[in-house]
Amino acid sequence: MKIIVDAMGGDNAPRSNVEGTVEAVRELGLEVVLVGRGDEILAVLRDMGMDEPPPGLEIVHASEVVDMEDNAATAFKEKKDSSLTVGLNLVKDGKGDAFVSAGSTGALLSGATLVTKRIRGIRRAAMAPIIPGPNGGSILIDCGATAECTPEYLLQFAFMGSYYAEHILGRPEPRVGLLNIGSEESKGTDLQRETYALLKKAGEEGRIHFTGNVEAREAVLGAVDVIVSDGYAGNIFLKTLEGTAMFLSGEMKGMFKKNILTKLSAVMVSGGIRDFKKLMDSREVGGTPLIGISKPVIKAHGSSDGYAIKNAIAQAAKFASSGIIESITANVEYMRLPTGAKATEE
């Protein structure tokens, strides 16, 4: 298994990306290719006490970097020798099994769509993070890749999220719910109501296990394994969860620091606190897959440190060997609008 890593993407690049890659090579036994400015990568390795890359680590030089200020839609074209563009082309050409980047989300999505391409028949790629919760959490699809969606997009998201939950989370019949403002079939806008009908039909045909609408509160409590949403609502849902987690963590920290008794209490429950922090720590997962792309692409958080990058590489390897892309490809025909329905644009 060979994973291509964008060495120059992210707030802490290239240091965090190099450190995480070295950890992945040593601990996971993977082959990894770091794409970026060779002199900067080697400088980080020297700081780590290495005069040359360790066995299993390869460096491919790319002179340019896609910055956050660049136009996300065109940066990968304008900077053809960027670490992002070169890395995606390596995967497209079969010189790597998956691609990991902590760089610009928009540029990565555009590049993955136009370089490695979407799976034939898939209208839009989707980002699908794992939401912390009971029994290993749930998958949210989409969380921001496509803000304005059609019912057909959401139908495809439901199928793709279901395959991801089955292959990655180990859920044999993942429960699929449509994020909405109420559980009743009549709730929501035209988008939710029309999508509900499509998902209900897919459920009746045995293609997915659709359980109906799900409110945000129940979704967080583990009511479903796959939360289907347009990117606009999904991103608000995700950012609200992140903000709430940060608030609760801060309040908990302040509570335990009030006096000597609370500090002693903190020591007594330190194991539980560590488990809670780990549950809410996005670094543990590493990144978010772009589902619907014909090659495995993982978007790591822009602020990723070495630990997060290592886990993103592990996630990429698992995604590449899971069979998700093959499952989606084999079932695209069931993800289309019924015959005679209005077609959506590519």
C-alpha atoms as a PDB file:
ATOM      1  CA  MET A   1       0.000   0.000   0.000  1.00  0.00           C
ATOM      2  CA  LYS A   2       1.446   3.366  -1.059  1.00  0.00           C
ATOM      3  CA  ILE A   3      -0.060   6.627   0.217  1.00  0.00           C
ATOM      4  CA  ILE A   4       0.680  10.013  -1.382  1.00  0.00           C
ATOM      5  CA  VAL A   5       0.853  12.907   1.107  1.00  0.00           C
ATOM      6  CA  ASP A   6       0.743  16.620   0.323  1.00  0.00           C
ATOM      7  CA  ALA A   7       3.758  17.775   2.353  1.00  0.00           C
ATOM      8  CA  MET A   8       3.005  21.483   1.919  1.00  0.00           C
ATOM      9  CA  GLY A   9      -0.716  21.593   2.776  1.00  0.00           C
ATOM     10  CA  GLY A  10      -1.944  22.820   6.146  1.00  0.00           C
ATOM     11  CA  ASP A  11      -1.154  25.390   8.809  1.00  0.00           C
ATOM     12  CA  ASN A  12       1.802  23.454  10.219  1.00  0.00           C
ATOM     13  CA  ALA A  13       3.333  22.261   6.943  1.00  0.00           C
ATOM     14  CA  PRO A  14       5.748  20.861   6.164  1.00  0.00           C
ATOM     15  CA  ARG A  15       6.836  19.922   9.715  1.00  0.00           C
ATOM     16  CA  SER A  16       3.642  18.230  10.917  1.00  0.00           C
ATOM     17  CA  ASN A  17       3.205  16.414   7.599  1.00  0.00           C
ATOM     18  CA  VAL A  18       6.760  15.083   7.629  1.00  0.00           C
ATOM     19  CA  GLU A  19       6.559  14.054  11.291  1.00  0.00           C
ATOM     20  CA  GLY A  20       3.234  12.295  10.779  1.00  0.00           C
ATOM     21  CA  THR A  21       4.496  10.536   7.676  1.00  0.00           C
ATOM     22  CA  VAL A  22       7.596   9.229   9.450  1.00  0.00           C
ATOM     23  CA  GLU A  23       5.371   7.901  12.264  1.00  0.00           C
ATOM     24  CA  ALA A  24       3.073   6.214   9.725  1.00  0.00           C
ATOM     25  CA  VAL A  25       5.999   4.532   7.950  1.00  0.00           C
ATOM     26  CA  ARG A  26       7.443   3.262  11.228  1.00  0.00           C
ATOM     27  CA  GLU A  27       4.258   2.263  13.041  1.00  0.00           C
ATOM     28  CA  LEU A  28       1.935   1.198  10.230  1.00  0.00           C
ATOM     29  CA  GLY A  29       4.413  -0.359   7.823  1.00  0.00           C
ATOM     30  CA  LEU A  30       3.093   1.676   4.894  1.00  0.00           C
ATOM     31  CA  GLU A  31       4.968   3.129   1.947  1.00  0.00           C
ATOM     32  CA  VAL A  32       4.447   6.887   1.809  1.00  0.00           C
ATOM     33  CA  VAL A  33       5.394   9.462  -0.811  1.00  0.00           C
ATOM     34  CA  LEU A  34       5.823  13.034   0.436  1.00  0.00           C
ATOM     35  CA  VAL A  35       5.162  15.549  -2.343  1.00  0.00           C
ATOM     36  CA  GLY A  36       6.511  19.065  -1.909  1.00  0.00           C
ATOM     37  CA  ARG A  37       9.605  21.213  -1.783  1.00  0.00           C
ATOM     38  CA  GLY A  38      12.372  18.701  -1.336  1.00  0.00           C
ATOM     39  CA  ASP A  39      14.793  20.987   0.492  1.00  0.00           C
ATOM     40  CA  GLU A  40      12.180  21.911   3.111  1.00  0.00           C
ATOM     41  CA  ILE A  41      11.191  18.278   3.630  1.00  0.00           C
ATOM     42  CA  LEU A  42      14.829  17.239   4.061  1.00  0.00           C
ATOM     43  CA  ALA A  43      15.380  20.108   6.514  1.00  0.00           C
ATOM     44  CA  VAL A  44      12.603  18.760   8.746  1.00  0.00           C
ATOM     45  CA  LEU A  45      14.056  15.247   8.527  1.00  0.00           C
ATOM     46  CA  ARG A  46      17.448  16.597   9.598  1.00  0.00           C
ATOM     47  CA  ASP A  47      15.802  18.325  12.569  1.00  0.00           C
ATOM     48  CA  MET A  48      14.413  14.904  13.455  1.00  0.00           C
ATOM     49  CA  GLY A  49      17.922  13.440  13.379  1.00  0.00           C
ATOM     50  CA  MET A  50      17.762  11.843   9.928  1.00  0.00           C
ATOM     51  CA  ASP A  51      20.196  12.624   7.116  1.00  0.00           C
ATOM     52  CA  GLU A  52      17.997  10.861   4.572  1.00  0.00           C
ATOM     53  CA  PRO A  53      14.440   9.527   4.339  1.00  0.00           C
ATOM     54  CA  PRO A  54      13.855   6.302   6.299  1.00  0.00           C
ATOM     55  CA  PRO A  55      13.021   3.072   4.422  1.00  0.00           C
ATOM     56  CA  GLY A  56       9.478   3.268   3.051  1.00  0.00           C
ATOM     57  CA  LEU A  57       9.491   7.051   2.661  1.00  0.00           C
ATOM     58  CA  GLU A  58       9.981   8.641  -0.745  1.00  0.00           C
ATOM     59  CA  ILE A  59      10.171  12.319  -1.670  1.00  0.00           C
ATOM     60  CA  VAL A  60       8.788  13.726  -4.921  1.00  0.00           C
ATOM     61  CA  HIS A  61       9.737  17.342  -5.512  1.00  0.00           C
ATOM     62  CA  ALA A  62       7.056  19.913  -6.327  1.00  0.00           C
ATOM     63  CA  SER A  63       8.129  23.541  -6.446  1.00  0.00           C
ATOM     64  CA  GLU A  64       4.784  25.295  -5.887  1.00  0.00           C
ATOM     65  CA  VAL A  65       2.304  25.503  -3.015  1.00  0.00           C
ATOM     66  CA  VAL A  66      -1.445  26.117  -3.165  1.00  0.00           C
ATOM     67  CA  ASP A  67      -2.102  28.821  -0.560  1.00  0.00           C
ATOM     68  CA  MET A  68      -5.385  29.581   1.186  1.00  0.00           C
ATOM     69  CA  GLU A  69      -5.468  32.915  -0.675  1.00  0.00           C
ATOM     70  CA  ASP A  70      -5.456  31.192  -4.067  1.00  0.00           C
ATOM     71  CA  ASN A  71      -8.648  30.730  -6.045  1.00  0.00           C
ATOM     72  CA  ALA A  72      -9.840  27.324  -4.885  1.00  0.00           C
ATOM     73  CA  ALA A  73     -11.514  26.495  -8.199  1.00  0.00           C
ATOM     74  CA  THR A  74      -8.461  27.141 -10.372  1.00  0.00           C
ATOM     75  CA  ALA A  75      -5.379  26.943  -8.105  1.00  0.00           C
ATOM     76  CA  PHE A  76      -4.531  23.337  -8.992  1.00  0.00           C
ATOM     77  CA  LYS A  77      -4.554  24.299 -12.703  1.00  0.00           C
ATOM     78  CA  GLU A  78      -2.629  27.555 -12.324  1.00  0.00           C
ATOM     79  CA  LYS A  79       0.000  25.908 -10.129  1.00  0.00           C
ATOM     80  CA  LYS A  80       0.649  22.724 -12.067  1.00  0.00           C
ATOM     81  CA  ASP A  81       3.817  21.969 -10.104  1.00  0.00           C
ATOM     82  CA  SER A  82       2.135  22.374  -6.725  1.00  0.00           C
ATOM     83  CA  SER A  83       2.244  19.561  -4.175  1.00  0.00           C
ATOM     84  CA  LEU A  84      -1.544  19.272  -4.499  1.00  0.00           C
ATOM     85  CA  THR A  85      -1.604  18.936  -8.283  1.00  0.00           C
ATOM     86  CA  VAL A  86       1.429  16.667  -8.517  1.00  0.00           C
ATOM     87  CA  GLY A  87       0.100  14.436  -5.733  1.00  0.00           C
ATOM     88  CA  LEU A  88      -3.333  14.034  -7.304  1.00  0.00           C
ATOM     89  CA  ASN A  89      -1.747  13.190 -10.655  1.00  0.00           C
ATOM     90  CA  LEU A  90       0.399  10.501  -9.026  1.00  0.00           C
ATOM     91  CA  VAL A  91      -2.747   8.842  -7.689  1.00  0.00           C
ATOM     92  CA  LYS A  92      -4.546   9.264 -11.009  1.00  0.00           C
ATOM     93  CA  ASP A  93      -1.647   7.606 -12.819  1.00  0.00           C
ATOM     94  CA  GLY A  94      -1.660   4.623 -10.456  1.00  0.00           C
ATOM     95  CA  LYS A  95       1.601   5.528  -8.698  1.00  0.00           C
ATOM     96  CA  GLY A  96      -0.166   5.640  -5.341  1.00  0.00           C
ATOM     97  CA  ASP A  97      -3.258   4.109  -3.751  1.00  0.00           C
ATOM     98  CA  ALA A  98      -4.626   7.183  -1.963  1.00  0.00           C
ATOM     99  CA  PHE A  99      -3.988  10.889  -1.434  1.00  0.00           C
ATOM    100  CA  VAL A 100      -3.925  12.875   1.824  1.00  0.00           C
ATOM    101  CA  SER A 101      -3.877  16.668   2.116  1.00  0.00           C
ATOM    102  CA  ALA A 102      -4.407  19.178   4.925  1.00  0.00           C
ATOM    103  CA  GLY A 103      -4.499  22.047   2.439  1.00  0.00           C
ATOM    104  CA  SER A 104      -7.358  24.104   1.031  1.00  0.00           C
ATOM    105  CA  THR A 105     -10.617  22.146   1.078  1.00  0.00           C
ATOM    106  CA  GLY A 106     -11.962  23.910  -1.999  1.00  0.00           C
ATOM    107  CA  ALA A 107      -8.807  23.389  -4.030  1.00  0.00           C
ATOM    108  CA  LEU A 108      -8.630  19.728  -3.003  1.00  0.00           C
ATOM    109  CA  LEU A 109     -12.276  19.141  -3.922  1.00  0.00           C
ATOM    110  CA  SER A 110     -11.867  20.877  -7.285  1.00  0.00           C
ATOM    111  CA  GLY A 111      -8.619  19.075  -8.012  1.00  0.00           C
ATOM    112  CA  ALA A 112      -9.947  15.664  -7.018  1.00  0.00           C
ATOM    113  CA  THR A 113     -13.068  16.194  -9.142  1.00  0.00           C
ATOM    114  CA  LEU A 114     -11.194  17.293 -12.272  1.00  0.00           C
ATOM    115  CA  VAL A 115      -7.949  15.313 -11.970  1.00  0.00           C
ATOM    116  CA  THR A 116      -8.895  11.967 -10.447  1.00  0.00           C
ATOM    117  CA  LYS A 117     -12.560  12.432 -11.514  1.00  0.00           C
ATOM    118  CA  ARG A 118     -15.812  11.404  -9.889  1.00  0.00           C
ATOM    119  CA  ILE A 119     -17.087   7.846 -10.139  1.00  0.00           C
ATOM    120  CA  ARG A 120     -19.072   7.658 -13.368  1.00  0.00           C
ATOM    121  CA  GLY A 121     -22.716   8.465 -12.635  1.00  0.00           C
ATOM    122  CA  ILE A 122     -22.049  10.233  -9.322  1.00  0.00           C
ATOM    123  CA  ARG A 123     -23.247  13.834  -9.550  1.00  0.00           C
ATOM    124  CA  ARG A 124     -21.280  15.364  -6.680  1.00  0.00           C
ATOM    125  CA  ALA A 125     -18.584  14.194  -4.277  1.00  0.00           C
ATOM    126  CA  ALA A 126     -19.370  14.550  -0.590  1.00  0.00           C
ATOM    127  CA  MET A 127     -17.374  15.008   2.586  1.00  0.00           C
ATOM    128  CA  ALA A 128     -18.285  12.502   5.272  1.00  0.00           C
ATOM    129  CA  PRO A 129     -16.788  13.013   8.744  1.00  0.00           C
ATOM    130  CA  ILE A 130     -17.530  10.693  11.649  1.00  0.00           C
ATOM    131  CA  ILE A 131     -19.626  12.433  14.311  1.00  0.00           C
ATOM    132  CA  PRO A 132     -18.761  11.353  17.878  1.00  0.00           C
ATOM    133  CA  GLY A 133     -21.552   9.508  19.620  1.00  0.00           C
ATOM    134  CA  PRO A 134     -22.682   6.209  21.118  1.00  0.00           C
ATOM    135  CA  ASN A 135     -21.323   2.951  19.689  1.00  0.00           C
ATOM    136  CA  GLY A 136     -18.612   4.542  17.564  1.00  0.00           C
ATOM    137  CA  GLY A 137     -20.504   7.547  16.246  1.00  0.00           C
ATOM    138  CA  SER A 138     -22.292   8.284  12.980  1.00  0.00           C
ATOM    139  CA  ILE A 139     -21.350   9.458   9.496  1.00  0.00           C
ATOM    140  CA  LEU A 140     -22.484  12.910   8.387  1.00  0.00           C
ATOM    141  CA  ILE A 141     -22.769  13.261   4.614  1.00  0.00           C
ATOM    142  CA  ASP A 142     -22.407  16.014   3.350  1.00  0.00           C
ATOM    143  CA  CYS A 143     -20.654  18.479   5.676  1.00  0.00           C
ATOM    144  CA  GLY A 144     -19.898  21.266   3.219  1.00  0.00           C
ATOM    145  CA  ALA A 145     -18.685  20.060  -0.173  1.00  0.00           C
ATOM    146  CA  THR A 146     -21.998  20.938  -1.874  1.00  0.00           C
ATOM    147  CA  ALA A 147     -24.026  23.682  -0.217  1.00  0.00           C
ATOM    148  CA  GLU A 148     -26.949  23.604  -2.664  1.00  0.00           C
ATOM    149  CA  CYS A 149     -28.218  20.109  -3.369  1.00  0.00           C
ATOM    150  CA  THR A 150     -30.913  18.373  -5.370  1.00  0.00           C
ATOM    151  CA  PRO A 151     -32.884  15.327  -4.196  1.00  0.00           C
ATOM    152  CA  GLU A 152     -30.754  13.170  -6.493  1.00  0.00           C
ATOM    153  CA  TYR A 153     -27.553  14.384  -4.797  1.00  0.00           C
ATOM    154  CA  LEU A 154     -28.939  13.462  -1.382  1.00  0.00           C
ATOM    155  CA  LEU A 155     -30.107  10.080  -2.662  1.00  0.00           C
ATOM    156  CA  GLN A 156     -26.553   9.367  -3.784  1.00  0.00           C
ATOM    157  CA  PHE A 157     -25.139  10.669  -0.495  1.00  0.00           C
ATOM    158  CA  ALA A 158     -27.365   8.210   1.354  1.00  0.00           C
ATOM    159  CA  PHE A 159     -26.065   5.255  -0.658  1.00  0.00           C
ATOM    160  CA  MET A 160     -22.432   6.358  -0.398  1.00  0.00           C
ATOM    161  CA  GLY A 161     -22.708   7.021   3.331  1.00  0.00           C
ATOM    162  CA  SER A 162     -24.313   3.627   3.815  1.00  0.00           C
ATOM    163  CA  TYR A 163     -21.428   1.874   2.059  1.00  0.00           C
ATOM    164  CA  TYR A 164     -18.925   3.860   4.118  1.00  0.00           C
ATOM    165  CA  ALA A 165     -20.638   2.901   7.381  1.00  0.00           C
ATOM    166  CA  GLU A 166     -20.721  -0.729   6.299  1.00  0.00           C
ATOM    167  CA  HIS A 167     -17.108  -0.968   5.156  1.00  0.00           C
ATOM    168  CA  ILE A 168     -15.363   1.376   7.612  1.00  0.00           C
ATOM    169  CA  LEU A 169     -17.516   1.339  10.756  1.00  0.00           C
ATOM    170  CA  GLY A 170     -18.463  -2.314  10.408  1.00  0.00           C
ATOM    171  CA  ARG A 171     -22.243  -1.750  10.417  1.00  0.00           C
ATOM    172  CA  PRO A 172     -23.820  -4.573   8.333  1.00  0.00           C
ATOM    173  CA  GLU A 173     -27.177  -2.761   7.887  1.00  0.00           C
ATOM    174  CA  PRO A 174     -26.451   0.891   8.634  1.00  0.00           C
ATOM    175  CA  ARG A 175     -29.485   2.967   9.592  1.00  0.00           C
ATOM    176  CA  VAL A 176     -29.864   5.954   7.282  1.00  0.00           C
ATOM    177  CA  GLY A 177     -31.671   9.096   8.430  1.00  0.00           C
ATOM    178  CA  LEU A 178     -32.462  12.365   6.638  1.00  0.00           C
ATOM    179  CA  LEU A 179     -31.516  15.401   8.751  1.00  0.00           C
ATOM    180  CA  ASN A 180     -34.673  17.451   9.190  1.00  0.00           C
ATOM    181  CA  ILE A 181     -36.578  19.710  11.597  1.00  0.00           C
ATOM    182  CA  GLY A 182     -39.002  16.965  12.564  1.00  0.00           C
ATOM    183  CA  SER A 183     -39.589  13.248  12.202  1.00  0.00           C
ATOM    184  CA  GLU A 184     -42.827  13.533  10.221  1.00  0.00           C
ATOM    185  CA  GLU A 185     -42.692  12.786   6.494  1.00  0.00           C
ATOM    186  CA  SER A 186     -44.207  16.196   5.666  1.00  0.00           C
ATOM    187  CA  LYS A 187     -41.491  18.192   7.475  1.00  0.00           C
ATOM    188  CA  GLY A 188     -38.855  20.373   5.822  1.00  0.00           C
ATOM    189  CA  THR A 189     -38.565  22.197   2.535  1.00  0.00           C
ATOM    190  CA  ASP A 190     -39.282  20.774  -0.917  1.00  0.00           C
ATOM    191  CA  LEU A 191     -35.727  19.374  -0.914  1.00  0.00           C
ATOM    192  CA  GLN A 192     -36.306  17.276   2.203  1.00  0.00           C
ATOM    193  CA  ARG A 193     -39.777  16.130   1.199  1.00  0.00           C
ATOM    194  CA  GLU A 194     -38.699  15.071  -2.300  1.00  0.00           C
ATOM    195  CA  THR A 195     -35.576  13.389  -0.935  1.00  0.00           C
ATOM    196  CA  TYR A 196     -37.653  11.558   1.658  1.00  0.00           C
ATOM    197  CA  ALA A 197     -39.734   9.965  -1.109  1.00  0.00           C
ATOM    198  CA  LEU A 198     -36.614   8.796  -2.941  1.00  0.00           C
ATOM    199  CA  LEU A 199     -35.000   7.377   0.200  1.00  0.00           C
ATOM    200  CA  LYS A 200     -38.235   5.677   1.231  1.00  0.00           C
ATOM    201  CA  LYS A 201     -38.433   3.965  -2.169  1.00  0.00           C
ATOM    202  CA  ALA A 202     -34.792   2.867  -1.934  1.00  0.00           C
ATOM    203  CA  GLY A 203     -35.530   1.479   1.511  1.00  0.00           C
ATOM    204  CA  GLU A 204     -38.605  -0.427   0.319  1.00  0.00           C
ATOM    205  CA  GLU A 205     -36.483  -1.962  -2.449  1.00  0.00           C
ATOM    206  CA  GLY A 206     -33.962  -3.128   0.156  1.00  0.00           C
ATOM    207  CA  ARG A 207     -31.124  -0.989  -1.234  1.00  0.00           C
ATOM    208  CA  ILE A 208     -30.558   0.944   2.007  1.00  0.00           C
ATOM    209  CA  HIS A 209     -31.965   0.796   5.541  1.00  0.00           C
ATOM    210  CA  PHE A 210     -33.820   4.121   5.594  1.00  0.00           C
ATOM    211  CA  THR A 211     -35.382   4.917   8.982  1.00  0.00           C
ATOM    212  CA  GLY A 212     -36.944   8.280   8.101  1.00  0.00           C
ATOM    213  CA  ASN A 213     -36.237  11.839   9.160  1.00  0.00           C
ATOM    214  CA  VAL A 214     -33.914  12.463  12.090  1.00  0.00           C
ATOM    215  CA  GLU A 215     -33.627  15.642  14.133  1.00  0.00           C
ATOM    216  CA  ALA A 216     -30.194  16.936  15.103  1.00  0.00           C
ATOM    217  CA  ARG A 217     -30.722  16.053  18.765  1.00  0.00           C
ATOM    218  CA  GLU A 218     -31.475  12.410  18.037  1.00  0.00           C
ATOM    219  CA  ALA A 219     -28.709  12.238  15.443  1.00  0.00           C
ATOM    220  CA  VAL A 220     -26.120  13.189  18.073  1.00  0.00           C
ATOM    221  CA  LEU A 221     -27.518  10.526  20.408  1.00  0.00           C
ATOM    222  CA  GLY A 222     -26.891   7.785  17.846  1.00  0.00           C
ATOM    223  CA  ALA A 223     -30.378   7.319  16.391  1.00  0.00           C
ATOM    224  CA  VAL A 224     -28.863   6.540  12.970  1.00  0.00           C
ATOM    225  CA  ASP A 225     -25.550   5.417  11.520  1.00  0.00           C
ATOM    226  CA  VAL A 226     -25.693   7.751   8.501  1.00  0.00           C
ATOM    227  CA  ILE A 227     -26.934  11.353   8.691  1.00  0.00           C
ATOM    228  CA  VAL A 228     -27.857  12.609   5.216  1.00  0.00           C
ATOM    229  CA  SER A 229     -27.811  16.358   4.650  1.00  0.00           C
ATOM    230  CA  ASP A 230     -27.093  19.054   2.114  1.00  0.00           C
ATOM    231  CA  GLY A 231     -23.688  20.644   2.662  1.00  0.00           C
ATOM    232  CA  TYR A 232     -25.123  23.903   4.017  1.00  0.00           C
ATOM    233  CA  ALA A 233     -27.155  22.401   6.867  1.00  0.00           C
ATOM    234  CA  GLY A 234     -24.556  19.689   7.427  1.00  0.00           C
ATOM    235  CA  ASN A 235     -21.765  22.206   7.906  1.00  0.00           C
ATOM    236  CA  ILE A 236     -23.807  24.207  10.428  1.00  0.00           C
ATOM    237  CA  PHE A 237     -24.622  20.968  12.269  1.00  0.00           C
ATOM    238  CA  LEU A 238     -20.948  19.964  12.361  1.00  0.00           C
ATOM    239  CA  LYS A 239     -19.627  23.393  13.441  1.00  0.00           C
ATOM    240  CA  THR A 240     -22.269  23.586  16.170  1.00  0.00           C
ATOM    241  CA  LEU A 241     -21.109  20.245  17.526  1.00  0.00           C
ATOM    242  CA  GLU A 242     -17.479  21.358  17.444  1.00  0.00           C
ATOM    243  CA  GLY A 243     -18.293  24.609  19.242  1.00  0.00           C
ATOM    244  CA  THR A 244     -20.384  22.824  21.857  1.00  0.00           C
ATOM    245  CA  ALA A 245     -17.574  20.349  22.506  1.00  0.00           C
ATOM    246  CA  MET A 246     -15.082  23.193  22.964  1.00  0.00           C
ATOM    247  CA  PHE A 247     -17.449  25.007  25.325  1.00  0.00           C
ATOM    248  CA  LEU A 248     -18.115  21.925  27.449  1.00  0.00           C
ATOM    249  CA  SER A 249     -14.422  21.077  27.583  1.00  0.00           C
ATOM    250  CA  GLY A 250     -13.596  24.587  28.783  1.00  0.00           C
ATOM    251  CA  GLU A 251     -16.359  24.555  31.379  1.00  0.00           C
ATOM    252  CA  MET A 252     -15.243  21.165  32.658  1.00  0.00           C
ATOM    253  CA  LYS A 253     -11.658  22.348  32.960  1.00  0.00           C
ATOM    254  CA  GLY A 254     -12.725  25.441  34.900  1.00  0.00           C
ATOM    255  CA  MET A 255     -14.992  23.400  37.156  1.00  0.00           C
ATOM    256  CA  PHE A 256     -12.218  21.042  38.197  1.00  0.00           C
ATOM    257  CA  LYS A 257      -9.790  23.905  38.900  1.00  0.00           C
ATOM    258  CA  LYS A 258     -12.024  25.787  41.378  1.00  0.00           C
ATOM    259  CA  ASN A 259     -10.441  24.534  44.607  1.00  0.00           C
ATOM    260  CA  ILE A 260      -8.441  21.729  46.182  1.00  0.00           C
ATOM    261  CA  LEU A 261     -11.469  19.432  46.460  1.00  0.00           C
ATOM    262  CA  THR A 262     -12.396  19.776  42.800  1.00  0.00           C
ATOM    263  CA  LYS A 263      -8.758  19.231  41.825  1.00  0.00           C
ATOM    264  CA  LEU A 264      -8.728  15.998  43.828  1.00  0.00           C
ATOM    265  CA  SER A 265     -11.983  14.997  42.148  1.00  0.00           C
ATOM    266  CA  ALA A 266     -10.350  15.606  38.767  1.00  0.00           C
ATOM    267  CA  VAL A 267      -7.578  13.176  39.689  1.00  0.00           C
ATOM    268  CA  MET A 268     -10.150  10.526  40.635  1.00  0.00           C
ATOM    269  CA  VAL A 269     -11.972  10.792  37.307  1.00  0.00           C
ATOM    270  CA  SER A 270      -8.903  11.532  35.157  1.00  0.00           C
ATOM    271  CA  GLY A 271      -9.345   8.331  33.162  1.00  0.00           C
ATOM    272  CA  GLY A 272     -12.884   9.295  32.194  1.00  0.00           C
ATOM    273  CA  ILE A 273     -11.779  12.805  31.281  1.00  0.00           C
ATOM    274  CA  ARG A 274      -9.073  11.414  29.012  1.00  0.00           C
ATOM    275  CA  ASP A 275     -11.603   9.128  27.327  1.00  0.00           C
ATOM    276  CA  PHE A 276     -13.972  12.059  26.803  1.00  0.00           C
ATOM    277  CA  LYS A 277     -11.252  14.222  25.283  1.00  0.00           C
ATOM    278  CA  LYS A 278     -10.207  11.377  23.007  1.00  0.00           C
ATOM    279  CA  LEU A 279     -13.809  10.855  21.891  1.00  0.00           C
ATOM    280  CA  MET A 280     -14.128  14.519  20.891  1.00  0.00           C
ATOM    281  CA  ASP A 281     -10.633  14.833  19.397  1.00  0.00           C
ATOM    282  CA  SER A 282     -10.752  15.045  15.597  1.00  0.00           C
ATOM    283  CA  ARG A 283      -7.071  14.066  15.491  1.00  0.00           C
ATOM    284  CA  GLU A 284      -8.030  10.499  16.399  1.00  0.00           C
ATOM    285  CA  VAL A 285      -9.801  10.011  13.054  1.00  0.00           C
ATOM    286  CA  GLY A 286      -7.296  12.047  11.079  1.00  0.00           C
ATOM    287  CA  GLY A 287      -9.429  13.376   8.262  1.00  0.00           C
ATOM    288  CA  THR A 288     -12.561  13.319   6.168  1.00  0.00           C
ATOM    289  CA  PRO A 289     -12.933  11.249   2.985  1.00  0.00           C
ATOM    290  CA  LEU A 290     -14.158  12.745  -0.258  1.00  0.00           C
ATOM    291  CA  ILE A 291     -16.684  10.061  -1.159  1.00  0.00           C
ATOM    292  CA  GLY A 292     -17.714   9.759  -4.792  1.00  0.00           C
ATOM    293  CA  ILE A 293     -14.225  10.375  -6.196  1.00  0.00           C
ATOM    294  CA  SER A 294     -12.819   7.501  -8.265  1.00  0.00           C
ATOM    295  CA  LYS A 295      -9.658   7.348  -6.124  1.00  0.00           C
ATOM    296  CA  PRO A 296      -9.348   7.528  -2.312  1.00  0.00           C
ATOM    297  CA  VAL A 297      -8.816  11.141  -1.211  1.00  0.00           C
ATOM    298  CA  ILE A 298      -8.660  12.200   2.448  1.00  0.00           C
ATOM    299  CA  LYS A 299      -8.944  15.817   3.635  1.00  0.00           C
ATOM    300  CA  ALA A 300      -7.036  16.277   6.893  1.00  0.00           C
ATOM    301  CA  HIS A 301      -7.812  19.244   9.144  1.00  0.00           C
ATOM    302  CA  GLY A 302      -5.848  22.377   8.297  1.00  0.00           C
ATOM    303  CA  SER A 303      -4.432  22.567  11.831  1.00  0.00           C
ATOM    304  CA  SER A 304      -3.324  18.921  11.863  1.00  0.00           C
ATOM    305  CA  ASP A 305      -0.246  18.007  13.879  1.00  0.00           C
ATOM    306  CA  GLY A 306       1.927  14.971  13.253  1.00  0.00           C
ATOM    307  CA  TYR A 307      -0.397  12.642  15.180  1.00  0.00           C
ATOM    308  CA  ALA A 308      -3.404  13.705  13.106  1.00  0.00           C
ATOM    309  CA  ILE A 309      -1.480  13.290   9.854  1.00  0.00           C
ATOM    310  CA  LYS A 310      -0.407   9.786  10.853  1.00  0.00           C
ATOM    311  CA  ASN A 311      -4.046   8.872  11.536  1.00  0.00           C
ATOM    312  CA  ALA A 312      -5.152  10.462   8.253  1.00  0.00           C
ATOM    313  CA  ILE A 313      -2.641   8.249   6.439  1.00  0.00           C
ATOM    314  CA  ALA A 314      -3.984   5.201   8.297  1.00  0.00           C
ATOM    315  CA  GLN A 315      -7.513   6.238   7.329  1.00  0.00           C
ATOM    316  CA  ALA A 316      -6.469   6.581   3.694  1.00  0.00           C
ATOM    317  CA  ALA A 317      -5.001   3.081   3.689  1.00  0.00           C
ATOM    318  CA  LYS A 318      -8.167   1.637   5.224  1.00  0.00           C
ATOM    319  CA  PHE A 319     -10.337   3.501   2.728  1.00  0.00           C
ATOM    320  CA  ALA A 320      -8.229   2.278  -0.207  1.00  0.00           C
ATOM    321  CA  SER A 321      -8.530  -1.377   0.822  1.00  0.00           C
ATOM    322  CA  SER A 322     -12.176  -1.271   1.961  1.00  0.00           C
ATOM    323  CA  GLY A 323     -13.953  -1.817  -1.355  1.00  0.00           C
ATOM    324  CA  ILE A 324     -16.150   1.288  -0.931  1.00  0.00           C
ATOM    325  CA  ILE A 325     -15.362   2.712  -4.352  1.00  0.00           C
ATOM    326  CA  GLU A 326     -16.092  -0.660  -5.954  1.00  0.00           C
ATOM    327  CA  SER A 327     -19.442  -0.907  -4.112  1.00  0.00           C
ATOM    328  CA  ILE A 328     -20.476   2.575  -5.231  1.00  0.00           C
ATOM    329  CA  THR A 329     -19.425   1.886  -8.823  1.00  0.00           C
ATOM    330  CA  ALA A 330     -21.369  -1.372  -8.929  1.00  0.00           C
ATOM    331  CA  ASN A 331     -24.582   0.219  -7.620  1.00  0.00           C
ATOM    332  CA  VAL A 332     -24.695   3.619  -9.335  1.00  0.00           C
ATOM    333  CA  GLU A 333     -27.692   2.556 -11.393  1.00  0.00           C
ATOM    334  CA  TYR A 334     -29.805   2.416  -8.204  1.00  0.00           C
ATOM    335  CA  MET A 335     -28.793   5.951  -7.210  1.00  0.00           C
ATOM    336  CA  ARG A 336     -30.420   7.701 -10.146  1.00  0.00           C
ATOM    337  CA  LEU A 337     -33.749   9.474 -10.352  1.00  0.00           C
ATOM    338  CA  PRO A 338     -36.678   7.340 -11.544  1.00  0.00           C
ATOM    339  CA  THR A 339     -37.180   7.160 -15.306  1.00  0.00           C
ATOM    340  CA  GLY A 340     -38.928  10.262 -16.575  1.00  0.00           C
ATOM    341  CA  ALA A 341     -37.873  12.452 -13.657  1.00  0.00           C
ATOM    342  CA  LYS A 342     -36.083  15.721 -14.330  1.00  0.00           C
ATOM    343  CA  ALA A 343     -32.368  15.127 -14.778  1.00  0.00           C
ATOM    344  CA  THR A 344     -29.803  17.149 -12.836  1.00  0.00           C
ATOM    345  CA  GLU A 345     -26.811  18.833 -14.349  1.00  0.00           C
ATOM    346  CA  GLU A 346     -23.345  17.318 -14.172  1.00  0.00           C
END
